Amino acid sequence: MKRKPLLRSVAPCLVASLLVSTQSRGQSAPAQPASLPAPGPGDCMSERWLEELWPPLENVTFQPTTLEERAAFTRLIPALLKAAAKQPRPPPELETLAKSIGFRLETRTLGTQRETVWALLEQPGKYRGAGAYLFRTGPATDDVIQAPHAYFDKGTERLGAALFACAPEGRRPRAFVTNTAHRNRSHPDEKREDAEHPADVAHNPDHLFQLVTDLLARHLPSLRIIQLHGFDETKSAAREGVLAVVSSCSAKPSPWARKVADRLVTQLGGGVRLYPEQTQLLGGTRNAQARLLQAYPRAWFLHLEMSAEMRRSLASPEPLVRLGSALFTPLED
């Protein structure tokens, strides 16, 4: 049977709605995240509340993670993970705890089956780049989707939310985690070439994003993190025809990274590269979450770099479903 390619033509309205940038990442004024595709019949991404995950940049004043936030999240995340598997509403005491540090813990629904999720979000008026966190209730795998570079790796945040929301039954991830401040806009005078970027959650081990990753590793016995990134046409990888780079951020690919790369090769052909065997580019070796998880023998980390072309194609539901099938494949398959 001839396989349908993952990359295919998509309706112009879907491409426009995703708005994956093909411009240089060095632009002086960061754009807002793209709007979600217009909902269709039975569309699991039709809930407009997902827009609340990424506040407008002009409303965000970045602040470093506080000791109070760390203490509260150290209690919150394990309790949420435990409760989410058993009940449709979060315990009231956790809602109170979240409120005490400027977060709101709310119950939301996804899809035609009205699947219940819990949203842990910054309170309006208190946006400081502390991140946004979704937890699926009921049955779920120990998989977690992370999109750490919203506003920068255009479209990865929406793709992460879509993979979380639209995963097939039996392979639905427990959580989705994303940033809420531009990686290079910790303060007004920050420049891309600066040595440090505190708002860049993928490279700041002191951010709340990192603490949540650590807590997930401690309390999900078979944790697998899929972290989404993007590169544009100015990168040498794009000029070489690379569509995706799969990496475990290590000197040797993990069995999971190899399996995902093989599955994506089936879909994309020669545009997929496995780091570092097939490319030395975009391996994410300085990624803070990957380094953290090296201390957890049962935890897995996957760093997926996607070209602008690939991200544009994923505005169409069918390729997105097949991408999820490749990413969520069980290790023993």
Protein backbone atom coordinates (compact mmCIF):
# COMPACT_ATOMS: atom_id res chain seq x y z
CA MET A 1 0.00 0.00 0.00
CA LYS A 2 1.33 3.42 -0.92
CA ARG A 3 1.77 5.65 2.12
CA LYS A 4 0.40 9.16 2.14
CA PRO A 5 3.17 11.70 2.73
CA LEU A 6 3.04 13.64 5.95
CA LEU A 7 3.78 16.87 4.11
CA ARG A 8 0.97 17.80 1.77
CA SER A 9 -0.91 20.81 0.48
CA VAL A 10 -3.21 22.35 3.05
CA ALA A 11 -6.02 24.85 2.76
CA PRO A 12 -4.73 28.43 2.68
CA CYS A 13 -6.94 29.39 5.62
CA LEU A 14 -5.32 26.70 7.76
CA VAL A 15 -1.84 27.81 6.78
CA ALA A 16 -2.72 31.42 7.49
CA SER A 17 -4.21 30.54 10.85
CA LEU A 18 -1.10 28.73 12.00
CA LEU A 19 1.16 31.53 10.73
CA VAL A 20 4.41 29.64 11.09
CA SER A 21 7.09 32.22 10.40
CA THR A 22 9.52 31.88 7.53
CA GLN A 23 11.24 35.10 8.51
CA SER A 24 14.56 35.39 10.29
CA ARG A 25 14.44 34.68 13.99
CA GLY A 26 16.40 37.87 14.57
CA GLN A 27 13.39 40.10 14.08
CA SER A 28 13.31 43.07 16.42
CA ALA A 29 9.65 42.87 17.36
CA PRO A 30 8.48 39.37 18.32
CA ALA A 31 5.15 38.40 16.86
CA GLN A 32 2.27 37.00 18.88
CA PRO A 33 1.50 33.29 18.75
CA ALA A 34 -0.65 32.27 15.82
CA SER A 35 -4.38 31.84 16.16
CA LEU A 36 -5.69 28.31 16.36
CA PRO A 37 -7.15 26.84 13.18
CA ALA A 38 -10.84 27.52 12.73
CA PRO A 39 -12.80 24.71 14.42
CA GLY A 40 -14.55 22.14 12.28
CA PRO A 41 -17.12 19.46 13.10
CA GLY A 42 -15.77 17.33 15.92
CA ASP A 43 -12.54 19.31 16.03
CA CYS A 44 -10.73 18.54 19.30
CA MET A 45 -8.98 21.92 19.03
CA SER A 46 -12.18 23.96 18.82
CA GLU A 47 -12.09 25.28 22.40
CA ARG A 48 -11.14 28.95 22.30
CA TRP A 49 -9.97 28.84 25.91
CA LEU A 50 -6.69 27.35 24.64
CA GLU A 51 -5.82 30.90 23.51
CA GLU A 52 -5.52 31.82 27.21
CA LEU A 53 -2.34 29.76 27.51
CA TRP A 54 -0.28 32.48 25.83
CA PRO A 55 -0.98 36.02 27.04
CA PRO A 56 -0.21 38.96 24.73
CA LEU A 57 3.45 39.90 25.10
CA GLU A 58 2.62 43.47 26.06
CA ASN A 59 0.85 42.10 29.15
CA VAL A 60 3.86 40.08 30.34
CA THR A 61 6.52 41.48 32.67
CA PHE A 62 9.03 38.71 33.22
CA GLN A 63 9.97 37.87 36.81
CA PRO A 64 12.29 35.10 38.05
CA THR A 65 10.78 32.16 39.89
CA THR A 66 10.32 32.94 43.59
CA LEU A 67 10.86 30.72 46.60
CA GLU A 68 7.13 30.94 47.30
CA GLU A 69 6.31 29.65 43.83
CA ARG A 70 8.78 26.81 44.18
CA ALA A 71 7.38 25.77 47.55
CA ALA A 72 3.78 25.90 46.32
CA PHE A 73 4.50 23.96 43.11
CA THR A 74 6.43 21.33 45.03
CA ARG A 75 3.13 20.62 46.78
CA LEU A 76 0.82 21.33 43.85
CA ILE A 77 2.22 19.20 41.04
CA PRO A 78 2.42 15.83 42.87
CA ALA A 79 -1.06 16.38 44.33
CA LEU A 80 -2.49 17.29 40.92
CA LEU A 81 -0.96 14.24 39.27
CA LYS A 82 -2.36 11.97 41.96
CA ALA A 83 -5.83 13.50 41.92
CA ALA A 84 -6.09 13.83 38.13
CA ALA A 85 -6.05 10.07 37.68
CA LYS A 86 -9.00 9.65 40.06
CA GLN A 87 -11.43 12.58 39.86
CA PRO A 88 -12.82 15.15 37.41
CA ARG A 89 -12.41 18.23 39.62
CA PRO A 90 -9.29 19.42 41.44
CA PRO A 91 -9.33 19.46 45.25
CA PRO A 92 -10.44 22.91 46.52
CA GLU A 93 -7.34 23.23 48.69
CA LEU A 94 -5.17 23.05 45.57
CA GLU A 95 -7.19 25.84 43.95
CA THR A 96 -6.53 27.94 47.06
CA LEU A 97 -2.83 27.11 47.02
CA ALA A 98 -2.54 28.08 43.35
CA LYS A 99 -4.33 31.37 43.99
CA SER A 100 -1.91 32.23 46.80
CA ILE A 101 0.96 32.52 44.29
CA GLY A 102 -0.90 34.27 41.48
CA PHE A 103 -2.15 31.22 39.58
CA ARG A 104 -5.64 29.97 38.80
CA LEU A 105 -6.52 26.28 38.73
CA GLU A 106 -9.57 25.72 36.55
CA THR A 107 -11.48 22.80 35.06
CA ARG A 108 -11.87 22.86 31.26
CA THR A 109 -13.06 20.45 28.57
CA LEU A 110 -11.69 19.31 25.21
CA GLY A 111 -13.21 17.72 22.14
CA THR A 112 -16.54 16.19 21.25
CA GLN A 113 -16.24 13.76 24.15
CA ARG A 114 -15.84 16.71 26.52
CA GLU A 115 -12.69 15.31 28.03
CA THR A 116 -11.82 17.02 31.33
CA VAL A 117 -8.48 18.77 31.82
CA TRP A 118 -7.15 21.03 34.56
CA ALA A 119 -5.51 24.29 33.56
CA LEU A 120 -2.93 25.86 35.88
CA LEU A 121 -2.49 29.38 34.52
CA GLU A 122 -1.19 32.74 35.65
CA GLN A 123 -3.93 35.04 36.88
CA PRO A 124 -4.78 37.94 34.52
CA GLY A 125 -2.80 40.99 35.55
CA LYS A 126 -0.06 38.79 37.01
CA TYR A 127 1.59 37.54 33.83
CA ARG A 128 5.30 37.14 34.56
CA GLY A 129 6.36 34.30 32.31
CA ALA A 130 5.89 31.56 34.90
CA GLY A 131 4.44 29.12 32.36
CA ALA A 132 1.14 27.39 31.65
CA TYR A 133 0.36 23.79 32.64
CA LEU A 134 -2.43 21.44 31.53
CA PHE A 135 -3.24 18.10 33.15
CA ARG A 136 -5.51 15.45 31.65
CA THR A 137 -7.86 13.73 34.10
CA GLY A 138 -8.76 10.05 34.01
CA PRO A 139 -6.73 7.49 32.05
CA ALA A 140 -3.56 8.88 30.46
CA THR A 141 -0.03 7.84 29.66
CA ASP A 142 3.07 9.17 31.40
CA ASP A 143 3.86 11.20 28.27
CA VAL A 144 4.24 14.99 28.53
CA ILE A 145 4.33 17.50 25.67
CA GLN A 146 6.51 20.59 26.15
CA ALA A 147 6.58 23.70 23.95
CA PRO A 148 9.22 25.95 25.57
CA HIS A 149 9.56 28.61 22.86
CA ALA A 150 6.13 30.07 22.15
CA TYR A 151 6.37 33.50 20.46
CA PHE A 152 9.71 32.44 18.92
CA ASP A 153 9.55 28.96 17.34
CA LYS A 154 6.36 29.95 15.56
CA GLY A 155 3.55 27.42 15.66
CA THR A 156 5.23 24.95 18.02
CA GLU A 157 3.02 26.04 20.90
CA ARG A 158 -0.18 25.34 18.94
CA LEU A 159 1.19 22.06 17.64
CA GLY A 160 2.00 21.03 21.20
CA ALA A 161 -1.51 21.85 22.36
CA ALA A 162 -2.95 19.99 19.36
CA LEU A 163 -0.87 16.88 20.04
CA PHE A 164 -2.04 16.96 23.66
CA ALA A 165 -5.68 17.55 22.79
CA CYS A 166 -6.03 15.24 19.79
CA ALA A 167 -3.99 12.20 20.84
CA PRO A 168 -5.67 8.85 20.15
CA GLU A 169 -7.44 6.98 22.91
CA GLY A 170 -5.03 4.84 24.87
CA ARG A 171 -2.09 7.13 24.06
CA ARG A 172 -3.27 10.43 25.52
CA PRO A 173 -0.51 12.36 27.34
CA ARG A 174 -0.95 13.31 30.98
CA ALA A 175 0.30 16.89 30.64
CA PHE A 176 1.13 19.79 28.35
CA VAL A 177 3.65 22.43 29.50
CA THR A 178 4.51 25.70 27.75
CA ASN A 179 6.23 29.02 28.34
CA THR A 180 4.39 32.35 28.67
CA ALA A 181 7.17 34.86 27.95
CA HIS A 182 9.36 35.39 24.90
CA ARG A 183 12.71 33.63 25.36
CA ASN A 184 14.72 36.78 24.52
CA ARG A 185 12.55 39.37 26.28
CA SER A 186 13.37 38.98 29.98
CA HIS A 187 13.84 42.77 30.17
CA PRO A 188 13.26 45.64 27.71
CA ASP A 189 16.92 46.08 26.68
CA GLU A 190 17.69 42.40 26.18
CA LYS A 191 19.38 41.40 22.94
CA ARG A 192 19.49 38.03 21.28
CA GLU A 193 23.29 37.92 21.48
CA ASP A 194 23.29 38.41 25.28
CA ALA A 195 24.96 35.62 27.25
CA GLU A 196 21.94 34.95 29.47
CA HIS A 197 18.20 34.86 28.82
CA PRO A 198 16.34 34.14 32.06
CA ALA A 199 12.99 33.82 30.27
CA ASP A 200 14.31 31.01 28.06
CA VAL A 201 12.86 28.07 29.97
CA ALA A 202 14.75 25.48 27.91
CA HIS A 203 18.06 26.91 29.13
CA ASN A 204 17.26 28.31 32.59
CA PRO A 205 17.53 25.58 35.25
CA ASP A 206 16.12 27.94 37.89
CA HIS A 207 12.78 28.51 36.13
CA LEU A 208 9.50 27.04 37.35
CA PHE A 209 9.35 25.13 34.05
CA GLN A 210 12.41 23.16 35.17
CA LEU A 211 10.98 22.49 38.62
CA VAL A 212 7.80 21.11 37.06
CA THR A 213 9.90 18.85 34.82
CA ASP A 214 11.72 17.55 37.89
CA LEU A 215 8.46 16.91 39.73
CA LEU A 216 7.01 15.10 36.73
CA ALA A 217 10.08 12.86 36.66
CA ARG A 218 9.70 12.11 40.35
CA HIS A 219 6.00 11.25 40.20
CA LEU A 220 5.41 9.71 36.76
CA PRO A 221 7.16 6.33 36.81
CA SER A 222 7.49 6.03 33.01
CA LEU A 223 7.89 9.68 32.05
CA ARG A 224 8.53 10.51 28.39
CA ILE A 225 8.89 14.17 27.48
CA ILE A 226 8.42 15.31 23.89
CA GLN A 227 9.80 18.83 23.47
CA LEU A 228 8.94 20.73 20.29
CA HIS A 229 11.23 23.25 18.57
CA GLY A 230 11.43 24.90 15.18
CA PHE A 231 13.96 26.29 12.73
CA ASP A 232 13.48 28.57 9.73
CA GLU A 233 14.83 28.87 6.22
CA THR A 234 17.87 30.86 7.36
CA LYS A 235 19.35 27.80 9.07
CA SER A 236 21.81 25.60 7.22
CA ALA A 237 19.66 22.56 8.01
CA ALA A 238 16.80 24.04 6.00
CA ARG A 239 19.11 24.80 3.09
CA GLU A 240 20.14 21.13 3.13
CA GLY A 241 16.53 20.01 2.81
CA VAL A 242 16.13 18.85 6.41
CA LEU A 243 12.52 18.72 7.58
CA ALA A 244 13.06 17.40 11.10
CA VAL A 245 15.87 16.55 13.51
CA VAL A 246 15.17 13.95 16.19
CA SER A 247 17.48 13.97 19.20
CA SER A 248 17.74 12.67 22.74
CA CYS A 249 20.25 15.50 23.38
CA SER A 250 23.01 13.00 24.01
CA ALA A 251 26.10 11.59 22.32
CA LYS A 252 24.20 8.41 21.47
CA PRO A 253 20.56 8.32 20.35
CA SER A 254 18.17 6.68 22.77
CA PRO A 255 16.12 3.69 21.54
CA TRP A 256 13.03 5.91 21.64
CA ALA A 257 14.65 8.65 19.53
CA ARG A 258 15.75 6.05 17.01
CA LYS A 259 12.25 4.54 16.85
CA VAL A 260 10.60 7.95 16.35
CA ALA A 261 13.12 8.90 13.66
CA ASP A 262 12.49 5.63 11.82
CA ARG A 263 8.75 6.21 11.88
CA LEU A 264 9.13 9.78 10.65
CA VAL A 265 11.41 8.61 7.85
CA THR A 266 8.56 6.37 6.71
CA GLN A 267 6.35 9.45 6.54
CA LEU A 268 8.79 12.12 5.38
CA GLY A 269 11.49 10.21 3.54
CA GLY A 270 15.00 11.66 3.46
CA GLY A 271 14.09 14.89 5.20
CA VAL A 272 14.47 13.40 8.69
CA ARG A 273 17.81 13.32 10.51
CA LEU A 274 18.71 11.45 13.69
CA TYR A 275 21.17 13.36 15.88
CA PRO A 276 24.14 12.89 16.06
CA GLU A 277 24.47 9.98 13.62
CA GLN A 278 22.96 11.69 10.58
CA THR A 279 23.53 15.35 11.43
CA GLN A 280 25.50 17.45 13.89
CA LEU A 281 22.92 20.24 13.74
CA LEU A 282 20.11 21.19 16.14
CA GLY A 283 20.76 18.43 18.67
CA GLY A 284 19.74 20.44 21.75
CA THR A 285 22.71 19.28 23.79
CA ARG A 286 22.53 22.29 26.13
CA ASN A 287 18.84 21.77 26.87
CA ALA A 288 18.19 22.16 30.60
CA GLN A 289 15.35 19.63 30.77
CA ALA A 290 17.34 16.98 28.89
CA ARG A 291 20.26 17.41 31.26
CA LEU A 292 17.97 17.20 34.29
CA LEU A 293 16.39 13.94 33.15
CA GLN A 294 19.77 12.27 32.82
CA ALA A 295 19.53 11.77 36.59
CA TYR A 296 16.35 9.69 36.17
CA PRO A 297 17.08 6.25 34.63
CA ARG A 298 13.42 5.56 33.82
CA ALA A 299 12.70 8.95 32.23
CA TRP A 300 13.04 9.63 28.49
CA PHE A 301 13.52 12.89 26.61
CA LEU A 302 12.90 13.62 22.93
CA HIS A 303 13.94 16.90 21.27
CA LEU A 304 12.13 17.43 17.96
CA GLU A 305 13.25 20.26 15.67
CA MET A 306 10.82 20.98 12.83
CA SER A 307 11.35 23.10 9.76
CA ALA A 308 8.93 25.89 8.91
CA GLU A 309 7.72 23.76 5.99
CA MET A 310 6.90 20.85 8.27
CA ARG A 311 5.12 23.07 10.78
CA ARG A 312 3.00 24.59 8.02
CA SER A 313 1.95 21.14 6.84
CA LEU A 314 0.83 20.18 10.34
CA ALA A 315 -1.94 22.77 10.26
CA SER A 316 -3.92 20.00 8.56
CA PRO A 317 -5.43 17.38 10.92
CA GLU A 318 -4.38 14.23 9.06
CA PRO A 319 -0.61 14.87 9.13
CA LEU A 320 -0.90 15.93 12.76
CA VAL A 321 -2.53 12.62 13.70
CA ARG A 322 0.25 10.69 11.96
CA LEU A 323 2.91 12.75 13.71
CA GLY A 324 1.27 11.88 17.04
CA SER A 325 1.28 8.22 16.08
CA ALA A 326 5.04 8.37 15.53
CA LEU A 327 5.73 10.27 18.75
CA PHE A 328 3.47 8.31 21.08
CA THR A 329 4.50 4.86 19.91
CA PRO A 330 5.18 2.51 22.83
CA LEU A 331 8.84 1.76 23.40
CA GLU A 332 8.27 -1.97 23.23
CA ASP A 333 6.72 -1.86 19.73
